[in-house]
Amino acid sequence: MTRQYFRAFAGAVIPAGATLGLTACASATTTCVVQHGYAIVVFQNGLGNNSRHLVSRFELTVKYGPNEFTRRMIYSRIVLRAASGGNPPVIVRSYRVGKAVGCHAGKVTAHR
C-alpha cells in the first residue's frame, strides 16, 4: 500500500518540480518589432537575476497579413550577462523578414 502512495506522489511531484525548474531558469524576456524589412528581437536578463543565462533557441512568429504568419525556430547561442547595478544587459539580434507587419518572439529556452 505504501508503494502505491509513493508512486502516486512521485507521479505528481516530479513533473511539477521539472516544470518549476524550467520556468525558474527561463527568465530571459524578449521584445520584437519589425522595421525596414527586419525583425529586431531584443533579449534582456531580469533585474533580479545575479547569474548569466544562455538562450539556446526561441520561436520567431512573423505576421505578414491578417491571417498570414510563419513560425521559425531560431537556434543560436546568445549569452545574457548578469545585471550590474540597475542596468540589465540587453542583446539585440535582427532577422530579415521582408514585408512583414509584425512579429513575436516566444518559447524562449534559457539555461544557466
PDB file of N, CA and C in Angstrom:
ATOM      1  N   MET A   1       0.814  -1.181   0.000  1.00  0.00           N
ATOM      2  CA  MET A   1       0.000   0.000   0.000  1.00  0.00           C
ATOM      3  C   MET A   1       0.868   1.260   0.000  1.00  0.00           C
ATOM      4  N   THR A   2       1.957   1.234   0.730  1.00  0.00           N
ATOM      5  CA  THR A   2       2.847   2.381   0.783  1.00  0.00           C
ATOM      6  C   THR A   2       3.476   2.641  -0.581  1.00  0.00           C
ATOM      7  N   ARG A   3       3.772   1.591  -1.304  1.00  0.00           N
ATOM      8  CA  ARG A   3       4.379   1.734  -2.622  1.00  0.00           C
ATOM      9  C   ARG A   3       3.418   2.440  -3.584  1.00  0.00           C
ATOM     10  N   GLN A   4       2.110   2.167  -3.492  1.00  0.00           N
ATOM     11  CA  GLN A   4       1.137   2.834  -4.348  1.00  0.00           C
ATOM     12  C   GLN A   4       1.092   4.333  -4.064  1.00  0.00           C
ATOM     13  N   TYR A   5       1.099   4.695  -2.802  1.00  0.00           N
ATOM     14  CA  TYR A   5       1.090   6.112  -2.447  1.00  0.00           C
ATOM     15  C   TYR A   5       2.356   6.811  -2.930  1.00  0.00           C
ATOM     16  N   PHE A   6       3.482   6.124  -2.807  1.00  0.00           N
ATOM     17  CA  PHE A   6       4.742   6.707  -3.275  1.00  0.00           C
ATOM     18  C   PHE A   6       4.703   6.937  -4.776  1.00  0.00           C
ATOM     19  N   ARG A   7       4.190   5.959  -5.527  1.00  0.00           N
ATOM     20  CA  ARG A   7       4.104   6.109  -6.986  1.00  0.00           C
ATOM     21  C   ARG A   7       3.184   7.267  -7.366  1.00  0.00           C
ATOM     22  N   ALA A   8       2.054   7.371  -6.704  1.00  0.00           N
ATOM     23  CA  ALA A   8       1.124   8.470  -6.997  1.00  0.00           C
ATOM     24  C   ALA A   8       1.753   9.814  -6.648  1.00  0.00           C
ATOM     25  N   PHE A   9       2.426   9.874  -5.503  1.00  0.00           N
ATOM     26  CA  PHE A   9       3.080  11.105  -5.085  1.00  0.00           C
ATOM     27  C   PHE A   9       4.214  11.479  -6.040  1.00  0.00           C
ATOM     28  N   ALA A  10       5.048  10.499  -6.404  1.00  0.00           N
ATOM     29  CA  ALA A  10       6.166  10.763  -7.321  1.00  0.00           C
ATOM     30  C   ALA A  10       5.655  11.139  -8.702  1.00  0.00           C
ATOM     31  N   GLY A  11       4.554  10.529  -9.129  1.00  0.00           N
ATOM     32  CA  GLY A  11       3.987  10.862 -10.436  1.00  0.00           C
ATOM     33  C   GLY A  11       3.478  12.282 -10.520  1.00  0.00           C
ATOM     34  N   ALA A  12       3.100  12.863  -9.395  1.00  0.00           N
ATOM     35  CA  ALA A  12       2.601  14.240  -9.392  1.00  0.00           C
ATOM     36  C   ALA A  12       3.697  15.255  -9.091  1.00  0.00           C
ATOM     37  N   VAL A  13       4.639  14.898  -8.231  1.00  0.00           N
ATOM     38  CA  VAL A  13       5.649  15.857  -7.781  1.00  0.00           C
ATOM     39  C   VAL A  13       6.794  16.009  -8.767  1.00  0.00           C
ATOM     40  N   ILE A  14       7.243  14.937  -9.370  1.00  0.00           N
ATOM     41  CA  ILE A  14       8.407  15.020 -10.266  1.00  0.00           C
ATOM     42  C   ILE A  14       8.118  15.899 -11.482  1.00  0.00           C
ATOM     43  N   PRO A  15       6.993  15.739 -12.205  1.00  0.00           N
ATOM     44  CA  PRO A  15       6.728  16.668 -13.319  1.00  0.00           C
ATOM     45  C   PRO A  15       6.553  18.118 -12.862  1.00  0.00           C
ATOM     46  N   ALA A  16       5.940  18.328 -11.703  1.00  0.00           N
ATOM     47  CA  ALA A  16       5.769  19.699 -11.205  1.00  0.00           C
ATOM     48  C   ALA A  16       7.123  20.319 -10.873  1.00  0.00           C
ATOM     49  N   GLY A  17       8.019  19.531 -10.283  1.00  0.00           N
ATOM     50  CA  GLY A  17       9.361  20.026  -9.979  1.00  0.00           C
ATOM     51  C   GLY A  17      10.146  20.342 -11.237  1.00  0.00           C
ATOM     52  N   ALA A  18      10.010  19.494 -12.251  1.00  0.00           N
ATOM     53  CA  ALA A  18      10.708  19.743 -13.517  1.00  0.00           C
ATOM     54  C   ALA A  18      10.177  21.009 -14.179  1.00  0.00           C
ATOM     55  N   THR A  19       8.868  21.213 -14.137  1.00  0.00           N
ATOM     56  CA  THR A  19       8.283  22.429 -14.710  1.00  0.00           C
ATOM     57  C   THR A  19       8.753  23.660 -13.960  1.00  0.00           C
ATOM     58  N   LEU A  20       8.773  23.589 -12.649  1.00  0.00           N
ATOM     59  CA  LEU A  20       9.245  24.721 -11.850  1.00  0.00           C
ATOM     60  C   LEU A  20      10.703  25.008 -12.140  1.00  0.00           C
ATOM     61  N   GLY A  21      11.526  23.981 -12.303  1.00  0.00           N
ATOM     62  CA  GLY A  21      12.942  24.181 -12.614  1.00  0.00           C
ATOM     63  C   GLY A  21      13.145  24.839 -13.964  1.00  0.00           C
ATOM     64  N   LEU A  22      12.334  24.457 -14.953  1.00  0.00           N
ATOM     65  CA  LEU A  22      12.461  25.064 -16.276  1.00  0.00           C
ATOM     66  C   LEU A  22      12.011  26.512 -16.260  1.00  0.00           C
ATOM     67  N   THR A  23      10.931  26.824 -15.565  1.00  0.00           N
ATOM     68  CA  THR A  23      10.463  28.208 -15.556  1.00  0.00           C
ATOM     69  C   THR A  23      11.389  29.093 -14.733  1.00  0.00           C
ATOM     70  N   ALA A  24      12.051  28.540 -13.739  1.00  0.00           N
ATOM     71  CA  ALA A  24      12.983  29.345 -12.953  1.00  0.00           C
ATOM     72  C   ALA A  24      14.207  29.712 -13.772  1.00  0.00           C
ATOM     73  N   CYS A  25      14.631  28.833 -14.667  1.00  0.00           N
ATOM     74  CA  CYS A  25      15.808  29.112 -15.485  1.00  0.00           C
ATOM     75  C   CYS A  25      15.479  30.013 -16.673  1.00  0.00           C
ATOM     76  N   ALA A  26      14.267  29.956 -17.165  1.00  0.00           N
ATOM     77  CA  ALA A  26      13.893  30.693 -18.368  1.00  0.00           C
ATOM     78  C   ALA A  26      13.369  32.071 -18.007  1.00  0.00           C
ATOM     79  N   SER A  27      14.221  32.928 -17.484  1.00  0.00           N
ATOM     80  CA  SER A  27      13.780  34.241 -17.062  1.00  0.00           C
ATOM     81  C   SER A  27      14.172  35.334 -18.052  1.00  0.00           C
ATOM     82  N   ALA A  28      14.656  34.964 -19.217  1.00  0.00           N
ATOM     83  CA  ALA A  28      15.000  35.966 -20.218  1.00  0.00           C
ATOM     84  C   ALA A  28      13.715  36.502 -20.849  1.00  0.00           C
ATOM     85  N   THR A  29      13.620  37.812 -20.994  1.00  0.00           N
ATOM     86  CA  THR A  29      12.450  38.414 -21.620  1.00  0.00           C
ATOM     87  C   THR A  29      12.811  38.883 -23.016  1.00  0.00           C
ATOM     88  N   THR A  30      11.834  38.895 -23.903  1.00  0.00           N
ATOM     89  CA  THR A  30      12.074  39.283 -25.289  1.00  0.00           C
ATOM     90  C   THR A  30      11.043  40.306 -25.734  1.00  0.00           C
ATOM     91  N   THR A  31      11.449  41.107 -26.701  1.00  0.00           N
ATOM     92  CA  THR A  31      10.570  42.060 -27.373  1.00  0.00           C
ATOM     93  C   THR A  31      10.912  42.005 -28.848  1.00  0.00           C
ATOM     94  N   CYS A  32       9.917  42.126 -29.701  1.00  0.00           N
ATOM     95  CA  CYS A  32      10.165  42.035 -31.140  1.00  0.00           C
ATOM     96  C   CYS A  32       9.401  43.144 -31.858  1.00  0.00           C
ATOM     97  N   VAL A  33      10.041  43.738 -32.860  1.00  0.00           N
ATOM     98  CA  VAL A  33       9.412  44.772 -33.676  1.00  0.00           C
ATOM     99  C   VAL A  33       9.954  44.640 -35.098  1.00  0.00           C
ATOM    100  N   VAL A  34       9.127  44.968 -36.088  1.00  0.00           N
ATOM    101  CA  VAL A  34       9.541  44.918 -37.494  1.00  0.00           C
ATOM    102  C   VAL A  34       9.765  46.331 -37.991  1.00  0.00           C
ATOM    103  N   GLN A  35      10.951  46.578 -38.549  1.00  0.00           N
ATOM    104  CA  GLN A  35      11.263  47.870 -39.170  1.00  0.00           C
ATOM    105  C   GLN A  35      12.164  47.643 -40.369  1.00  0.00           C
ATOM    106  N   HIS A  36      11.806  48.252 -41.502  1.00  0.00           N
ATOM    107  CA  HIS A  36      12.600  48.229 -42.726  1.00  0.00           C
ATOM    108  C   HIS A  36      12.945  46.818 -43.177  1.00  0.00           C
ATOM    109  N   GLY A  37      11.995  45.889 -43.050  1.00  0.00           N
ATOM    110  CA  GLY A  37      12.192  44.533 -43.539  1.00  0.00           C
ATOM    111  C   GLY A  37      12.976  43.622 -42.613  1.00  0.00           C
ATOM    112  N   TYR A  38      13.237  44.053 -41.409  1.00  0.00           N
ATOM    113  CA  TYR A  38      13.970  43.233 -40.442  1.00  0.00           C
ATOM    114  C   TYR A  38      13.150  43.085 -39.159  1.00  0.00           C
ATOM    115  N   ALA A  39      13.171  41.882 -38.599  1.00  0.00           N
ATOM    116  CA  ALA A  39      12.590  41.665 -37.275  1.00  0.00           C
ATOM    117  C   ALA A  39      13.700  41.926 -36.272  1.00  0.00           C
ATOM    118  N   ILE A  40      13.514  42.905 -35.420  1.00  0.00           N
ATOM    119  CA  ILE A  40      14.513  43.268 -34.424  1.00  0.00           C
ATOM    120  C   ILE A  40      14.060  42.670 -33.100  1.00  0.00           C
ATOM    121  N   VAL A  41      14.836  41.703 -32.601  1.00  0.00           N
ATOM    122  CA  VAL A  41      14.496  40.985 -31.374  1.00  0.00           C
ATOM    123  C   VAL A  41      15.443  41.454 -30.280  1.00  0.00           C
ATOM    124  N   VAL A  42      14.878  41.881 -29.152  1.00  0.00           N
ATOM    125  CA  VAL A  42      15.665  42.373 -28.023  1.00  0.00           C
ATOM    126  C   VAL A  42      15.537  41.371 -26.881  1.00  0.00           C
ATOM    127  N   PHE A  43      16.662  40.860 -26.413  1.00  0.00           N
ATOM    128  CA  PHE A  43      16.707  39.941 -25.277  1.00  0.00           C
ATOM    129  C   PHE A  43      17.228  40.695 -24.064  1.00  0.00           C
ATOM    130  N   GLN A  44      16.648  40.416 -22.899  1.00  0.00           N
ATOM    131  CA  GLN A  44      17.077  41.092 -21.682  1.00  0.00           C
ATOM    132  C   GLN A  44      17.006  40.127 -20.511  1.00  0.00           C
ATOM    133  N   ASN A  45      18.048  40.128 -19.704  1.00  0.00           N
ATOM    134  CA  ASN A  45      18.078  39.342 -18.484  1.00  0.00           C
ATOM    135  C   ASN A  45      17.354  40.144 -17.404  1.00  0.00           C
ATOM    136  N   GLY A  46      16.658  39.475 -16.506  1.00  0.00           N
ATOM    137  CA  GLY A  46      15.884  40.166 -15.479  1.00  0.00           C
ATOM    138  C   GLY A  46      16.764  40.877 -14.474  1.00  0.00           C
ATOM    139  N   LEU A  47      16.210  41.901 -13.820  1.00  0.00           N
ATOM    140  CA  LEU A  47      16.960  42.653 -12.816  1.00  0.00           C
ATOM    141  C   LEU A  47      17.264  41.812 -11.580  1.00  0.00           C
ATOM    142  N   GLY A  48      16.378  40.896 -11.230  1.00  0.00           N
ATOM    143  CA  GLY A  48      16.577  40.090 -10.031  1.00  0.00           C
ATOM    144  C   GLY A  48      17.576  38.963 -10.209  1.00  0.00           C
ATOM    145  N   ASN A  49      18.046  38.742 -11.432  1.00  0.00           N
ATOM    146  CA  ASN A  49      18.965  37.637 -11.683  1.00  0.00           C
ATOM    147  C   ASN A  49      20.398  38.075 -11.452  1.00  0.00           C
ATOM    148  N   ASN A  50      21.124  37.284 -10.684  1.00  0.00           N
ATOM    149  CA  ASN A  50      22.529  37.596 -10.450  1.00  0.00           C
ATOM    150  C   ASN A  50      23.443  36.593 -11.134  1.00  0.00           C
ATOM    151  N   SER A  51      22.907  35.865 -12.098  1.00  0.00           N
ATOM    152  CA  SER A  51      23.726  34.932 -12.858  1.00  0.00           C
ATOM    153  C   SER A  51      23.440  35.116 -14.337  1.00  0.00           C
ATOM    154  N   ARG A  52      24.354  34.666 -15.148  1.00  0.00           N
ATOM    155  CA  ARG A  52      24.159  34.828 -16.589  1.00  0.00           C
ATOM    156  C   ARG A  52      23.324  33.678 -17.136  1.00  0.00           C
ATOM    157  N   HIS A  53      22.645  33.922 -18.227  1.00  0.00           N
ATOM    158  CA  HIS A  53      21.797  32.936 -18.868  1.00  0.00           C
ATOM    159  C   HIS A  53      22.245  32.750 -20.312  1.00  0.00           C
ATOM    160  N   LEU A  54      22.021  31.568 -20.821  1.00  0.00           N
ATOM    161  CA  LEU A  54      22.341  31.238 -22.205  1.00  0.00           C
ATOM    162  C   LEU A  54      21.037  30.899 -22.920  1.00  0.00           C
ATOM    163  N   VAL A  55      20.668  31.698 -23.910  1.00  0.00           N
ATOM    164  CA  VAL A  55      19.474  31.432 -24.712  1.00  0.00           C
ATOM    165  C   VAL A  55      19.903  30.521 -25.852  1.00  0.00           C
ATOM    166  N   SER A  56      19.321  29.327 -25.903  1.00  0.00           N
ATOM    167  CA  SER A  56      19.726  28.369 -26.928  1.00  0.00           C
ATOM    168  C   SER A  56      18.776  28.355 -28.124  1.00  0.00           C
ATOM    169  N   ARG A  57      17.491  28.652 -27.898  1.00  0.00           N
ATOM    170  CA  ARG A  57      16.551  28.707 -29.021  1.00  0.00           C
ATOM    171  C   ARG A  57      15.318  29.517 -28.627  1.00  0.00           C
ATOM    172  N   PHE A  58      14.613  29.990 -29.649  1.00  0.00           N
ATOM    173  CA  PHE A  58      13.344  30.679 -29.447  1.00  0.00           C
ATOM    174  C   PHE A  58      12.542  30.583 -30.731  1.00  0.00           C
ATOM    175  N   GLU A  59      11.241  30.839 -30.615  1.00  0.00           N
ATOM    176  CA  GLU A  59      10.364  30.776 -31.780  1.00  0.00           C
ATOM    177  C   GLU A  59      10.051  32.193 -32.238  1.00  0.00           C
ATOM    178  N   LEU A  60      10.301  32.461 -33.505  1.00  0.00           N
ATOM    179  CA  LEU A  60      10.017  33.765 -34.095  1.00  0.00           C
ATOM    180  C   LEU A  60       8.773  33.629 -34.968  1.00  0.00           C
ATOM    181  N   THR A  61       7.691  34.290 -34.570  1.00  0.00           N
ATOM    182  CA  THR A  61       6.447  34.293 -35.335  1.00  0.00           C
ATOM    183  C   THR A  61       6.354  35.621 -36.065  1.00  0.00           C
ATOM    184  N   VAL A  62       6.302  35.557 -37.391  1.00  0.00           N
ATOM    185  CA  VAL A  62       6.285  36.761 -38.230  1.00  0.00           C
ATOM    186  C   VAL A  62       4.919  36.850 -38.903  1.00  0.00           C
ATOM    187  N   LYS A  63       4.298  38.017 -38.783  1.00  0.00           N
ATOM    188  CA  LYS A  63       2.966  38.236 -39.340  1.00  0.00           C
ATOM    189  C   LYS A  63       3.085  39.061 -40.622  1.00  0.00           C
ATOM    190  N   TYR A  64       2.501  38.525 -41.714  1.00  0.00           N
ATOM    191  CA  TYR A  64       2.543  39.209 -42.998  1.00  0.00           C
ATOM    192  C   TYR A  64       1.201  39.817 -43.388  1.00  0.00           C
ATOM    193  N   GLY A  65       0.145  39.444 -42.741  1.00  0.00           N
ATOM    194  CA  GLY A  65      -1.186  39.954 -43.044  1.00  0.00           C
ATOM    195  C   GLY A  65      -2.145  39.548 -41.939  1.00  0.00           C
ATOM    196  N   PRO A  66      -3.459  39.787 -42.145  1.00  0.00           N
ATOM    197  CA  PRO A  66      -4.414  39.454 -41.093  1.00  0.00           C
ATOM    198  C   PRO A  66      -4.412  37.970 -40.698  1.00  0.00           C
ATOM    199  N   ASN A  67      -4.298  37.075 -41.661  1.00  0.00           N
ATOM    200  CA  ASN A  67      -4.296  35.644 -41.361  1.00  0.00           C
ATOM    201  C   ASN A  67      -3.055  34.938 -41.885  1.00  0.00           C
ATOM    202  N   GLU A  68      -2.040  35.679 -42.235  1.00  0.00           N
ATOM    203  CA  GLU A  68      -0.811  35.090 -42.770  1.00  0.00           C
ATOM    204  C   GLU A  68       0.324  35.273 -41.780  1.00  0.00           C
ATOM    205  N   PHE A  69       0.884  34.177 -41.327  1.00  0.00           N
ATOM    206  CA  PHE A  69       2.048  34.264 -40.464  1.00  0.00           C
ATOM    207  C   PHE A  69       2.887  33.005 -40.618  1.00  0.00           C
ATOM    208  N   THR A  70       4.152  33.135 -40.289  1.00  0.00           N
ATOM    209  CA  THR A  70       5.064  31.992 -40.316  1.00  0.00           C
ATOM    210  C   THR A  70       5.748  31.886 -38.962  1.00  0.00           C
ATOM    211  N   ARG A  71       6.090  30.670 -38.598  1.00  0.00           N
ATOM    212  CA  ARG A  71       6.806  30.420 -37.348  1.00  0.00           C
ATOM    213  C   ARG A  71       8.113  29.729 -37.677  1.00  0.00           C
ATOM    214  N   ARG A  72       9.186  30.252 -37.101  1.00  0.00           N
ATOM    215  CA  ARG A  72      10.503  29.657 -37.296  1.00  0.00           C
ATOM    216  C   ARG A  72      11.165  29.463 -35.947  1.00  0.00           C
ATOM    217  N   MET A  73      11.755  28.305 -35.749  1.00  0.00           N
ATOM    218  CA  MET A  73      12.569  28.089 -34.554  1.00  0.00           C
ATOM    219  C   MET A  73      13.974  28.586 -34.885  1.00  0.00           C
ATOM    220  N   ILE A  74      14.470  29.502 -34.093  1.00  0.00           N
ATOM    221  CA  ILE A  74      15.801  30.063 -34.276  1.00  0.00           C
ATOM    222  C   ILE A  74      16.713  29.434 -33.228  1.00  0.00           C
ATOM    223  N   TYR A  75      17.740  28.752 -33.691  1.00  0.00           N
ATOM    224  CA  TYR A  75      18.730  28.143 -32.803  1.00  0.00           C
ATOM    225  C   TYR A  75      19.983  29.011 -32.825  1.00  0.00           C
ATOM    226  N   SER A  76      20.324  29.566 -31.689  1.00  0.00           N
ATOM    227  CA  SER A  76      21.516  30.401 -31.601  1.00  0.00           C
ATOM    228  C   SER A  76      22.023  30.381 -30.168  1.00  0.00           C
ATOM    229  N   ARG A  77      23.219  30.825 -29.989  1.00  0.00           N
ATOM    230  CA  ARG A  77      23.845  30.858 -28.665  1.00  0.00           C
ATOM    231  C   ARG A  77      23.972  32.325 -28.257  1.00  0.00           C
ATOM    232  N   ILE A  78      23.041  32.796 -27.451  1.00  0.00           N
ATOM    233  CA  ILE A  78      23.024  34.186 -27.017  1.00  0.00           C
ATOM    234  C   ILE A  78      23.274  34.204 -25.513  1.00  0.00           C
ATOM    235  N   VAL A  79      24.336  34.864 -25.092  1.00  0.00           N
ATOM    236  CA  VAL A  79      24.695  34.911 -23.675  1.00  0.00           C
ATOM    237  C   VAL A  79      24.198  36.219 -23.080  1.00  0.00           C
ATOM    238  N   LEU A  80      23.342  36.098 -22.052  1.00  0.00           N
ATOM    239  CA  LEU A  80      22.837  37.263 -21.326  1.00  0.00           C
ATOM    240  C   LEU A  80      23.575  37.338 -20.002  1.00  0.00           C
ATOM    241  N   ARG A  81      24.377  38.361 -19.830  1.00  0.00           N
ATOM    242  CA  ARG A  81      25.152  38.504 -18.597  1.00  0.00           C
ATOM    243  C   ARG A  81      24.259  38.929 -17.440  1.00  0.00           C
ATOM    244  N   ALA A  82      24.793  38.818 -16.255  1.00  0.00           N
ATOM    245  CA  ALA A  82      24.069  39.231 -15.052  1.00  0.00           C
ATOM    246  C   ALA A  82      23.982  40.751 -15.000  1.00  0.00           C
ATOM    247  N   ALA A  83      22.950  41.236 -14.352  1.00  0.00           N
ATOM    248  CA  ALA A  83      22.758  42.678 -14.219  1.00  0.00           C
ATOM    249  C   ALA A  83      23.791  43.251 -13.261  1.00  0.00           C
ATOM    250  N   SER A  84      24.378  44.374 -13.640  1.00  0.00           N
ATOM    251  CA  SER A  84      25.324  45.063 -12.762  1.00  0.00           C
ATOM    252  C   SER A  84      24.723  46.424 -12.409  1.00  0.00           C
ATOM    253  N   GLY A  85      24.475  46.630 -11.149  1.00  0.00           N
ATOM    254  CA  GLY A  85      23.812  47.861 -10.730  1.00  0.00           C
ATOM    255  C   GLY A  85      22.353  47.826 -11.124  1.00  0.00           C
ATOM    256  N   GLY A  86      21.857  48.880 -11.710  1.00  0.00           N
ATOM    257  CA  GLY A  86      20.463  48.943 -12.129  1.00  0.00           C
ATOM    258  C   GLY A  86      20.284  48.761 -13.612  1.00  0.00           C
ATOM    259  N   ASN A  87      21.352  48.384 -14.325  1.00  0.00           N
ATOM    260  CA  ASN A  87      21.280  48.267 -15.778  1.00  0.00           C
ATOM    261  C   ASN A  87      21.402  46.811 -16.213  1.00  0.00           C
ATOM    262  N   PRO A  88      20.291  46.161 -16.528  1.00  0.00           N
ATOM    263  CA  PRO A  88      20.399  44.797 -17.045  1.00  0.00           C
ATOM    264  C   PRO A  88      20.914  44.833 -18.475  1.00  0.00           C
ATOM    265  N   PRO A  89      21.762  43.881 -18.852  1.00  0.00           N
ATOM    266  CA  PRO A  89      22.304  43.880 -20.206  1.00  0.00           C
ATOM    267  C   PRO A  89      21.227  43.565 -21.239  1.00  0.00           C
ATOM    268  N   VAL A  90      21.351  44.169 -22.403  1.00  0.00           N
ATOM    269  CA  VAL A  90      20.394  43.992 -23.489  1.00  0.00           C
ATOM    270  C   VAL A  90      21.161  43.494 -24.709  1.00  0.00           C
ATOM    271  N   ILE A  91      20.632  42.444 -25.351  1.00  0.00           N
ATOM    272  CA  ILE A  91      21.223  41.901 -26.575  1.00  0.00           C
ATOM    273  C   ILE A  91      20.194  42.084 -27.691  1.00  0.00           C
ATOM    274  N   VAL A  92      20.636  42.612 -28.834  1.00  0.00           N
ATOM    275  CA  VAL A  92      19.747  42.870 -29.960  1.00  0.00           C
ATOM    276  C   VAL A  92      20.193  42.014 -31.139  1.00  0.00           C
ATOM    277  N   ARG A  93      19.250  41.284 -31.729  1.00  0.00           N
ATOM    278  CA  ARG A  93      19.503  40.495 -32.927  1.00  0.00           C
ATOM    279  C   ARG A  93      18.483  40.898 -33.982  1.00  0.00           C
ATOM    280  N   SER A  94      18.896  40.886 -35.244  1.00  0.00           N
ATOM    281  CA  SER A  94      17.967  41.213 -36.328  1.00  0.00           C
ATOM    282  C   SER A  94      17.927  40.058 -37.327  1.00  0.00           C
ATOM    283  N   TYR A  95      16.726  39.821 -37.855  1.00  0.00           N
ATOM    284  CA  TYR A  95      16.492  38.744 -38.816  1.00  0.00           C
ATOM    285  C   TYR A  95      15.691  39.301 -39.978  1.00  0.00           C
ATOM    286  N   ARG A  96      16.114  39.009 -41.199  1.00  0.00           N
ATOM    287  CA  ARG A  96      15.445  39.522 -42.396  1.00  0.00           C
ATOM    288  C   ARG A  96      14.100  38.828 -42.559  1.00  0.00           C
ATOM    289  N   VAL A  97      13.015  39.628 -42.677  1.00  0.00           N
ATOM    290  CA  VAL A  97      11.672  39.069 -42.796  1.00  0.00           C
ATOM    291  C   VAL A  97      10.904  39.618 -44.001  1.00  0.00           C
ATOM    292  N   GLY A  98      11.471  40.523 -44.756  1.00  0.00           N
ATOM    293  CA  GLY A  98      10.788  41.050 -45.937  1.00  0.00           C
ATOM    294  C   GLY A  98       9.700  42.040 -45.577  1.00  0.00           C
ATOM    295  N   LYS A  99       8.524  41.868 -46.181  1.00  0.00           N
ATOM    296  CA  LYS A  99       7.422  42.826 -45.996  1.00  0.00           C
ATOM    297  C   LYS A  99       6.477  42.393 -44.884  1.00  0.00           C
ATOM    298  N   ALA A 100       7.008  42.136 -43.737  1.00  0.00           N
ATOM    299  CA  ALA A 100       6.195  41.732 -42.586  1.00  0.00           C
ATOM    300  C   ALA A 100       5.592  42.958 -41.917  1.00  0.00           C
ATOM    301  N   VAL A 101       4.497  42.737 -41.192  1.00  0.00           N
ATOM    302  CA  VAL A 101       3.848  43.839 -40.479  1.00  0.00           C
ATOM    303  C   VAL A 101       4.004  43.712 -38.965  1.00  0.00           C
ATOM    304  N   GLY A 102       4.420  42.559 -38.483  1.00  0.00           N
ATOM    305  CA  GLY A 102       4.591  42.383 -37.042  1.00  0.00           C
ATOM    306  C   GLY A 102       5.331  41.097 -36.740  1.00  0.00           C
ATOM    307  N   CYS A 103       5.768  40.975 -35.505  1.00  0.00           N
ATOM    308  CA  CYS A 103       6.477  39.764 -35.095  1.00  0.00           C
ATOM    309  C   CYS A 103       6.315  39.551 -33.592  1.00  0.00           C
ATOM    310  N   HIS A 104       6.626  38.342 -33.182  1.00  0.00           N
ATOM    311  CA  HIS A 104       6.564  37.971 -31.777  1.00  0.00           C
ATOM    312  C   HIS A 104       7.638  36.909 -31.525  1.00  0.00           C
ATOM    313  N   ALA A 105       8.410  37.086 -30.494  1.00  0.00           N
ATOM    314  CA  ALA A 105       9.418  36.084 -30.103  1.00  0.00           C
ATOM    315  C   ALA A 105       8.915  35.401 -28.847  1.00  0.00           C
ATOM    316  N   GLY A 106       8.769  34.092 -28.906  1.00  0.00           N
ATOM    317  CA  GLY A 106       8.256  33.346 -27.773  1.00  0.00           C
ATOM    318  C   GLY A 106       8.951  32.008 -27.635  1.00  0.00           C
ATOM    319  N   LYS A 107       8.507  31.229 -26.656  1.00  0.00           N
ATOM    320  CA  LYS A 107       9.067  29.913 -26.362  1.00  0.00           C
ATOM    321  C   LYS A 107      10.580  29.977 -26.219  1.00  0.00           C
ATOM    322  N   VAL A 108      11.052  30.924 -25.440  1.00  0.00           N
ATOM    323  CA  VAL A 108      12.484  31.113 -25.228  1.00  0.00           C
ATOM    324  C   VAL A 108      12.998  30.020 -24.291  1.00  0.00           C
ATOM    325  N   THR A 109      14.046  29.338 -24.713  1.00  0.00           N
ATOM    326  CA  THR A 109      14.683  28.326 -23.876  1.00  0.00           C
ATOM    327  C   THR A 109      16.002  28.879 -23.391  1.00  0.00           C
ATOM    328  N   ALA A 110      16.089  29.129 -22.081  1.00  0.00           N
ATOM    329  CA  ALA A 110      17.299  29.710 -21.497  1.00  0.00           C
ATOM    330  C   ALA A 110      17.823  28.779 -20.412  1.00  0.00           C
ATOM    331  N   HIS A 111      19.136  28.718 -20.297  1.00  0.00           N
ATOM    332  CA  HIS A 111      19.801  27.885 -19.298  1.00  0.00           C
ATOM    333  C   HIS A 111      20.802  28.730 -18.524  1.00  0.00           C
ATOM    334  N   ARG A 112      21.158  28.269 -17.348  1.00  0.00           N
ATOM    335  CA  ARG A 112      22.188  28.967 -16.580  1.00  0.00           C
ATOM    336  C   ARG A 112      23.539  28.485 -16.965  1.00  0.00           C
TER     337      ARG A 112
END
